[in-house]
């Protein structure tokens, strides 16, 4: 980390103490991020988020405490109360429907605990640069669950060549500013073309767009 680069402030949440230790080690190994607080239950996490300013939340999906074990409900509340907070979810689950529901809540990163050591540093790099990170194992699960219907071709035909060009560059990891520079268009024009493409495809957020393009061979 450069001398003038401030470390990312990270809050961790998991109900397994050993896994919290492992997460902390992986996150702090390159000195780009520092763990400022930890939580082991949903209520504790919500209180911590209220009291600690942070740059990133890395959380388990399920932290059962009495009746409160609905990970989607917890993520929904966090997103409502902290709409701009980047969130990376690390989970042992392997369910395409739940993955899609998490991404619909604008989760910025999604990966498996099994590949956490290899993929979490990359996820943090992506998310800290405003990009979405979806682990290879998660992408495979989503691909296997995809229904390749004829309606997809109809939807893609609705895109203009410029809209298709913009979203393909976005899926390749380029930010709006970089796409604008590459295509010699204004940021406002590129942003509008991306938004129009997502509207035509019925996609609500960047994560959904990323998955859509991966699933259909456009990325």
C-alpha atoms as a PDB file:
ATOM      1  CA  UNK A   1       0.000   0.000   0.000  1.00  0.00           C
ATOM      2  CA  UNK A   2       1.311   3.458  -0.901  1.00  0.00           C
ATOM      3  CA  UNK A   3       2.225   5.787   1.932  1.00  0.00           C
ATOM      4  CA  UNK A   4      -0.568   8.216   1.061  1.00  0.00           C
ATOM      5  CA  UNK A   5      -3.213   5.528   0.517  1.00  0.00           C
ATOM      6  CA  UNK A   6      -5.593   5.077   3.428  1.00  0.00           C
ATOM      7  CA  UNK A   7      -6.471   1.514   4.398  1.00  0.00           C
ATOM      8  CA  UNK A   8     -10.063   0.452   3.843  1.00  0.00           C
ATOM      9  CA  UNK A   9     -12.035   0.290   7.085  1.00  0.00           C
ATOM     10  CA  UNK A  10     -13.793  -3.085   7.200  1.00  0.00           C
ATOM     11  CA  UNK A  11     -16.494  -4.467   9.493  1.00  0.00           C
ATOM     12  CA  UNK A  12     -16.738  -8.264   9.712  1.00  0.00           C
ATOM     13  CA  UNK A  13     -19.771 -10.347  10.662  1.00  0.00           C
ATOM     14  CA  UNK A  14     -19.949 -14.108  11.224  1.00  0.00           C
ATOM     15  CA  UNK A  15     -21.328 -16.262  14.025  1.00  0.00           C
ATOM     16  CA  UNK A  16     -18.304 -18.608  13.988  1.00  0.00           C
ATOM     17  CA  UNK A  17     -15.348 -17.165  15.987  1.00  0.00           C
ATOM     18  CA  UNK A  18     -12.761 -19.263  14.146  1.00  0.00           C
ATOM     19  CA  UNK A  19     -14.021 -18.104  10.785  1.00  0.00           C
ATOM     20  CA  UNK A  20     -13.934 -14.471  11.968  1.00  0.00           C
ATOM     21  CA  UNK A  21     -10.260 -14.934  12.723  1.00  0.00           C
ATOM     22  CA  UNK A  22      -9.652 -16.405   9.285  1.00  0.00           C
ATOM     23  CA  UNK A  23     -11.498 -13.563   7.571  1.00  0.00           C
ATOM     24  CA  UNK A  24      -9.484 -10.984   9.462  1.00  0.00           C
ATOM     25  CA  UNK A  25      -6.185 -12.598   8.496  1.00  0.00           C
ATOM     26  CA  UNK A  26      -7.122 -12.757   4.804  1.00  0.00           C
ATOM     27  CA  UNK A  27      -8.387  -9.174   4.739  1.00  0.00           C
ATOM     28  CA  UNK A  28      -5.387  -7.630   6.464  1.00  0.00           C
ATOM     29  CA  UNK A  29      -2.660  -9.665   4.767  1.00  0.00           C
ATOM     30  CA  UNK A  30      -1.879  -7.060   2.085  1.00  0.00           C
ATOM     31  CA  UNK A  31      -2.309  -4.054   4.417  1.00  0.00           C
ATOM     32  CA  UNK A  32      -4.808  -2.426   2.056  1.00  0.00           C
ATOM     33  CA  UNK A  33      -7.606  -2.980   4.549  1.00  0.00           C
ATOM     34  CA  UNK A  34      -7.967  -3.031   8.313  1.00  0.00           C
ATOM     35  CA  UNK A  35     -10.738  -4.604  10.388  1.00  0.00           C
ATOM     36  CA  UNK A  36     -12.173  -1.943  12.700  1.00  0.00           C
ATOM     37  CA  UNK A  37     -15.021  -3.978  14.237  1.00  0.00           C
ATOM     38  CA  UNK A  38     -16.513  -7.474  14.338  1.00  0.00           C
ATOM     39  CA  UNK A  39     -20.010  -8.811  15.002  1.00  0.00           C
ATOM     40  CA  UNK A  40     -21.317 -12.327  15.568  1.00  0.00           C
ATOM     41  CA  UNK A  41     -25.080 -11.745  15.486  1.00  0.00           C
ATOM     42  CA  UNK A  42     -27.540  -9.713  13.376  1.00  0.00           C
ATOM     43  CA  UNK A  43     -28.485  -7.253  16.134  1.00  0.00           C
ATOM     44  CA  UNK A  44     -24.838  -6.745  17.036  1.00  0.00           C
ATOM     45  CA  UNK A  45     -24.006  -6.086  13.390  1.00  0.00           C
ATOM     46  CA  UNK A  46     -26.773  -3.504  13.000  1.00  0.00           C
ATOM     47  CA  UNK A  47     -25.628  -1.685  16.144  1.00  0.00           C
ATOM     48  CA  UNK A  48     -22.014  -1.789  15.001  1.00  0.00           C
ATOM     49  CA  UNK A  49     -22.917  -0.301  11.627  1.00  0.00           C
ATOM     50  CA  UNK A  50     -24.729   2.529  13.381  1.00  0.00           C
ATOM     51  CA  UNK A  51     -21.754   3.348  15.594  1.00  0.00           C
ATOM     52  CA  UNK A  52     -18.778   2.741  13.292  1.00  0.00           C
ATOM     53  CA  UNK A  53     -18.045   4.502  10.016  1.00  0.00           C
ATOM     54  CA  UNK A  54     -16.626   1.972   7.568  1.00  0.00           C
ATOM     55  CA  UNK A  55     -15.780   1.537   3.884  1.00  0.00           C
ATOM     56  CA  UNK A  56     -16.840  -2.097   3.485  1.00  0.00           C
ATOM     57  CA  UNK A  57     -18.919  -4.797   5.168  1.00  0.00           C
ATOM     58  CA  UNK A  58     -17.873  -8.437   4.813  1.00  0.00           C
ATOM     59  CA  UNK A  59     -20.601 -10.668   6.227  1.00  0.00           C
ATOM     60  CA  UNK A  60     -21.814 -14.224   6.443  1.00  0.00           C
ATOM     61  CA  UNK A  61     -25.295 -14.752   5.000  1.00  0.00           C
ATOM     62  CA  UNK A  62     -26.796 -16.760   7.862  1.00  0.00           C
ATOM     63  CA  UNK A  63     -26.191 -15.859  11.507  1.00  0.00           C
ATOM     64  CA  UNK A  64     -28.942 -17.683  13.438  1.00  0.00           C
ATOM     65  CA  UNK A  65     -29.965 -16.034  16.671  1.00  0.00           C
ATOM     66  CA  UNK A  66     -33.251 -17.258  18.169  1.00  0.00           C
ATOM     67  CA  UNK A  67     -35.876 -16.463  15.519  1.00  0.00           C
ATOM     68  CA  UNK A  68     -33.728 -14.101  13.502  1.00  0.00           C
ATOM     69  CA  UNK A  69     -32.033 -16.219  10.859  1.00  0.00           C
ATOM     70  CA  UNK A  70     -33.322 -14.668   7.634  1.00  0.00           C
ATOM     71  CA  UNK A  71     -30.206 -13.503   5.809  1.00  0.00           C
ATOM     72  CA  UNK A  72     -32.181 -11.780   3.045  1.00  0.00           C
ATOM     73  CA  UNK A  73     -34.154  -9.763   5.557  1.00  0.00           C
ATOM     74  CA  UNK A  74     -30.937  -8.710   7.280  1.00  0.00           C
ATOM     75  CA  UNK A  75     -29.318  -7.679   3.998  1.00  0.00           C
ATOM     76  CA  UNK A  76     -32.455  -5.793   3.013  1.00  0.00           C
ATOM     77  CA  UNK A  77     -32.377  -3.824   6.269  1.00  0.00           C
ATOM     78  CA  UNK A  78     -28.662  -3.068   5.954  1.00  0.00           C
ATOM     79  CA  UNK A  79     -29.167  -1.862   2.402  1.00  0.00           C
ATOM     80  CA  UNK A  80     -32.104   0.306   3.487  1.00  0.00           C
ATOM     81  CA  UNK A  81     -30.224   1.872   6.396  1.00  0.00           C
ATOM     82  CA  UNK A  82     -26.858   2.106   4.603  1.00  0.00           C
ATOM     83  CA  UNK A  83     -27.695   2.453   0.894  1.00  0.00           C
ATOM     84  CA  UNK A  84     -24.174   3.287  -0.295  1.00  0.00           C
ATOM     85  CA  UNK A  85     -22.221   0.815   1.865  1.00  0.00           C
ATOM     86  CA  UNK A  86     -20.330  -1.782  -0.217  1.00  0.00           C
ATOM     87  CA  UNK A  87     -21.258  -5.307   0.938  1.00  0.00           C
ATOM     88  CA  UNK A  88     -19.453  -8.591   0.295  1.00  0.00           C
ATOM     89  CA  UNK A  89     -21.309 -11.755   1.303  1.00  0.00           C
ATOM     90  CA  UNK A  90     -19.324 -14.906   2.114  1.00  0.00           C
ATOM     91  CA  UNK A  91     -21.472 -18.014   2.426  1.00  0.00           C
ATOM     92  CA  UNK A  92     -21.439 -21.808   2.526  1.00  0.00           C
ATOM     93  CA  UNK A  93     -24.779 -21.923   0.710  1.00  0.00           C
ATOM     94  CA  UNK A  94     -25.014 -23.178  -2.861  1.00  0.00           C
ATOM     95  CA  UNK A  95     -28.425 -22.066  -4.051  1.00  0.00           C
ATOM     96  CA  UNK A  96     -28.951 -20.126  -7.288  1.00  0.00           C
ATOM     97  CA  UNK A  97     -32.259 -18.667  -6.129  1.00  0.00           C
ATOM     98  CA  UNK A  98     -30.719 -17.222  -2.981  1.00  0.00           C
ATOM     99  CA  UNK A  99     -27.755 -15.914  -4.960  1.00  0.00           C
ATOM    100  CA  UNK A 100     -30.103 -14.065  -7.297  1.00  0.00           C
ATOM    101  CA  UNK A 101     -32.049 -12.661  -4.342  1.00  0.00           C
ATOM    102  CA  UNK A 102     -28.834 -11.384  -2.758  1.00  0.00           C
ATOM    103  CA  UNK A 103     -27.730  -9.745  -5.999  1.00  0.00           C
ATOM    104  CA  UNK A 104     -31.158  -8.141  -6.339  1.00  0.00           C
ATOM    105  CA  UNK A 105     -30.439  -6.385  -3.032  1.00  0.00           C
ATOM    106  CA  UNK A 106     -27.367  -4.759  -4.629  1.00  0.00           C
ATOM    107  CA  UNK A 107     -24.793  -6.918  -2.890  1.00  0.00           C
ATOM    108  CA  UNK A 108     -21.420  -5.925  -4.371  1.00  0.00           C
ATOM    109  CA  UNK A 109     -19.532  -9.175  -3.874  1.00  0.00           C
ATOM    110  CA  UNK A 110     -20.623 -12.795  -3.507  1.00  0.00           C
ATOM    111  CA  UNK A 111     -18.322 -15.734  -2.817  1.00  0.00           C
ATOM    112  CA  UNK A 112     -18.105 -19.099  -1.129  1.00  0.00           C
ATOM    113  CA  UNK A 113     -16.366 -19.721   2.179  1.00  0.00           C
ATOM    114  CA  UNK A 114     -14.666 -22.684   0.506  1.00  0.00           C
ATOM    115  CA  UNK A 115     -12.728 -20.357  -1.815  1.00  0.00           C
ATOM    116  CA  UNK A 116     -12.506 -17.406   0.555  1.00  0.00           C
ATOM    117  CA  UNK A 117      -8.706 -17.355   0.908  1.00  0.00           C
ATOM    118  CA  UNK A 118      -8.180 -17.179  -2.860  1.00  0.00           C
ATOM    119  CA  UNK A 119     -11.096 -14.953  -3.849  1.00  0.00           C
ATOM    120  CA  UNK A 120     -11.692 -12.512  -0.987  1.00  0.00           C
ATOM    121  CA  UNK A 121      -8.666 -10.288  -1.772  1.00  0.00           C
ATOM    122  CA  UNK A 122      -9.800 -10.050  -5.400  1.00  0.00           C
ATOM    123  CA  UNK A 123     -13.361  -9.321  -4.276  1.00  0.00           C
ATOM    124  CA  UNK A 124     -12.153  -6.471  -2.068  1.00  0.00           C
ATOM    125  CA  UNK A 125     -10.082  -5.033  -4.932  1.00  0.00           C
ATOM    126  CA  UNK A 126     -13.065  -5.143  -7.286  1.00  0.00           C
ATOM    127  CA  UNK A 127     -15.568  -3.698  -4.832  1.00  0.00           C
ATOM    128  CA  UNK A 128     -13.244  -0.931  -3.608  1.00  0.00           C
ATOM    129  CA  UNK A 129     -12.945   0.160  -7.260  1.00  0.00           C
ATOM    130  CA  UNK A 130     -16.697   0.282  -7.746  1.00  0.00           C
ATOM    131  CA  UNK A 131     -16.982  -3.080  -9.520  1.00  0.00           C
ATOM    132  CA  UNK A 132     -19.041  -6.155  -8.747  1.00  0.00           C
ATOM    133  CA  UNK A 133     -17.303  -9.423  -7.847  1.00  0.00           C
ATOM    134  CA  UNK A 134     -19.067 -12.763  -8.275  1.00  0.00           C
ATOM    135  CA  UNK A 135     -17.013 -15.857  -7.517  1.00  0.00           C
ATOM    136  CA  UNK A 136     -16.465 -18.489 -10.199  1.00  0.00           C
ATOM    137  CA  UNK A 137     -18.370 -21.111  -8.198  1.00  0.00           C
ATOM    138  CA  UNK A 138     -21.346 -18.764  -7.850  1.00  0.00           C
ATOM    139  CA  UNK A 139     -21.293 -17.951 -11.556  1.00  0.00           C
ATOM    140  CA  UNK A 140     -21.295 -21.656 -12.415  1.00  0.00           C
ATOM    141  CA  UNK A 141     -24.276 -22.266 -10.170  1.00  0.00           C
ATOM    142  CA  UNK A 142     -26.185 -19.398 -11.781  1.00  0.00           C
ATOM    143  CA  UNK A 143     -25.302 -20.591 -15.268  1.00  0.00           C
ATOM    144  CA  UNK A 144     -26.534 -24.105 -14.525  1.00  0.00           C
ATOM    145  CA  UNK A 145     -29.834 -22.708 -13.276  1.00  0.00           C
ATOM    146  CA  UNK A 146     -30.382 -20.430 -16.258  1.00  0.00           C
ATOM    147  CA  UNK A 147     -33.267 -21.006 -18.620  1.00  0.00           C
ATOM    148  CA  UNK A 148     -31.981 -20.141 -22.084  1.00  0.00           C
ATOM    149  CA  UNK A 149     -35.337 -19.204 -23.560  1.00  0.00           C
ATOM    150  CA  UNK A 150     -36.059 -17.532 -26.884  1.00  0.00           C
ATOM    151  CA  UNK A 151     -37.176 -14.367 -25.078  1.00  0.00           C
ATOM    152  CA  UNK A 152     -33.499 -13.583 -24.436  1.00  0.00           C
ATOM    153  CA  UNK A 153     -32.806 -13.168 -28.136  1.00  0.00           C
ATOM    154  CA  UNK A 154     -35.784 -10.878 -28.510  1.00  0.00           C
ATOM    155  CA  UNK A 155     -34.587  -8.733 -25.598  1.00  0.00           C
ATOM    156  CA  UNK A 156     -31.074  -8.434 -27.008  1.00  0.00           C
ATOM    157  CA  UNK A 157     -32.436  -7.420 -30.387  1.00  0.00           C
ATOM    158  CA  UNK A 158     -34.058  -4.459 -28.667  1.00  0.00           C
ATOM    159  CA  UNK A 159     -30.644  -3.014 -27.803  1.00  0.00           C
ATOM    160  CA  UNK A 160     -28.976  -0.528 -30.104  1.00  0.00           C
ATOM    161  CA  UNK A 161     -25.425  -1.357 -31.277  1.00  0.00           C
ATOM    162  CA  UNK A 162     -24.067   1.399 -29.030  1.00  0.00           C
ATOM    163  CA  UNK A 163     -25.987   0.152 -25.980  1.00  0.00           C
ATOM    164  CA  UNK A 164     -24.680  -3.373 -26.559  1.00  0.00           C
ATOM    165  CA  UNK A 165     -21.145  -2.030 -26.962  1.00  0.00           C
ATOM    166  CA  UNK A 166     -21.375  -0.134 -23.663  1.00  0.00           C
ATOM    167  CA  UNK A 167     -22.691  -3.025 -21.585  1.00  0.00           C
ATOM    168  CA  UNK A 168     -20.119  -5.447 -22.996  1.00  0.00           C
ATOM    169  CA  UNK A 169     -17.318  -3.062 -22.016  1.00  0.00           C
ATOM    170  CA  UNK A 170     -18.920  -2.664 -18.594  1.00  0.00           C
ATOM    171  CA  UNK A 171     -19.046  -6.445 -18.106  1.00  0.00           C
ATOM    172  CA  UNK A 172     -15.341  -6.606 -19.013  1.00  0.00           C
ATOM    173  CA  UNK A 173     -14.605  -4.563 -15.891  1.00  0.00           C
ATOM    174  CA  UNK A 174     -14.506  -1.036 -17.300  1.00  0.00           C
ATOM    175  CA  UNK A 175     -15.972   1.866 -15.342  1.00  0.00           C
ATOM    176  CA  UNK A 176     -18.256   4.376 -17.065  1.00  0.00           C
ATOM    177  CA  UNK A 177     -15.466   6.965 -17.268  1.00  0.00           C
ATOM    178  CA  UNK A 178     -13.080   4.509 -18.937  1.00  0.00           C
ATOM    179  CA  UNK A 179     -15.764   3.425 -21.416  1.00  0.00           C
ATOM    180  CA  UNK A 180     -16.482   7.049 -22.272  1.00  0.00           C
ATOM    181  CA  UNK A 181     -12.802   7.708 -22.947  1.00  0.00           C
ATOM    182  CA  UNK A 182     -12.437   4.560 -25.050  1.00  0.00           C
ATOM    183  CA  UNK A 183     -15.518   5.284 -27.163  1.00  0.00           C
ATOM    184  CA  UNK A 184     -14.974   9.060 -27.291  1.00  0.00           C
ATOM    185  CA  UNK A 185     -18.357   9.791 -25.741  1.00  0.00           C
ATOM    186  CA  UNK A 186     -19.328  11.798 -22.690  1.00  0.00           C
ATOM    187  CA  UNK A 187     -19.820  10.055 -19.356  1.00  0.00           C
ATOM    188  CA  UNK A 188     -23.448  11.203 -19.399  1.00  0.00           C
ATOM    189  CA  UNK A 189     -24.022   9.565 -22.787  1.00  0.00           C
ATOM    190  CA  UNK A 190     -22.416   6.278 -21.756  1.00  0.00           C
ATOM    191  CA  UNK A 191     -24.318   6.227 -18.465  1.00  0.00           C
ATOM    192  CA  UNK A 192     -27.606   6.861 -20.276  1.00  0.00           C
ATOM    193  CA  UNK A 193     -26.896   4.082 -22.796  1.00  0.00           C
ATOM    194  CA  UNK A 194     -26.122   1.654 -19.975  1.00  0.00           C
ATOM    195  CA  UNK A 195     -29.310   2.594 -18.098  1.00  0.00           C
ATOM    196  CA  UNK A 196     -31.404   2.259 -21.266  1.00  0.00           C
ATOM    197  CA  UNK A 197     -29.949  -1.189 -21.979  1.00  0.00           C
ATOM    198  CA  UNK A 198     -30.691  -2.375 -18.439  1.00  0.00           C
ATOM    199  CA  UNK A 199     -34.247  -1.061 -18.661  1.00  0.00           C
ATOM    200  CA  UNK A 200     -34.852  -2.901 -21.955  1.00  0.00           C
ATOM    201  CA  UNK A 201     -33.447  -6.127 -20.481  1.00  0.00           C
ATOM    202  CA  UNK A 202     -35.466  -5.776 -17.282  1.00  0.00           C
ATOM    203  CA  UNK A 203     -32.380  -5.665 -15.055  1.00  0.00           C
ATOM    204  CA  UNK A 204     -32.511  -3.725 -11.811  1.00  0.00           C
ATOM    205  CA  UNK A 205     -28.837  -3.231 -10.933  1.00  0.00           C
ATOM    206  CA  UNK A 206     -25.220  -3.663 -12.025  1.00  0.00           C
ATOM    207  CA  UNK A 207     -24.884  -7.109 -10.436  1.00  0.00           C
ATOM    208  CA  UNK A 208     -27.901  -8.382 -12.373  1.00  0.00           C
ATOM    209  CA  UNK A 209     -26.449  -6.949 -15.586  1.00  0.00           C
ATOM    210  CA  UNK A 210     -23.097  -8.612 -14.949  1.00  0.00           C
ATOM    211  CA  UNK A 211     -24.706 -12.008 -14.373  1.00  0.00           C
ATOM    212  CA  UNK A 212     -26.972 -11.613 -17.413  1.00  0.00           C
ATOM    213  CA  UNK A 213     -24.028 -10.914 -19.716  1.00  0.00           C
ATOM    214  CA  UNK A 214     -21.979 -13.773 -18.262  1.00  0.00           C
ATOM    215  CA  UNK A 215     -24.875 -16.171 -18.694  1.00  0.00           C
ATOM    216  CA  UNK A 216     -25.436 -15.273 -22.315  1.00  0.00           C
ATOM    217  CA  UNK A 217     -21.863 -15.135 -23.524  1.00  0.00           C
ATOM    218  CA  UNK A 218     -21.635 -11.361 -23.918  1.00  0.00           C
ATOM    219  CA  UNK A 219     -18.878 -10.775 -21.364  1.00  0.00           C
END
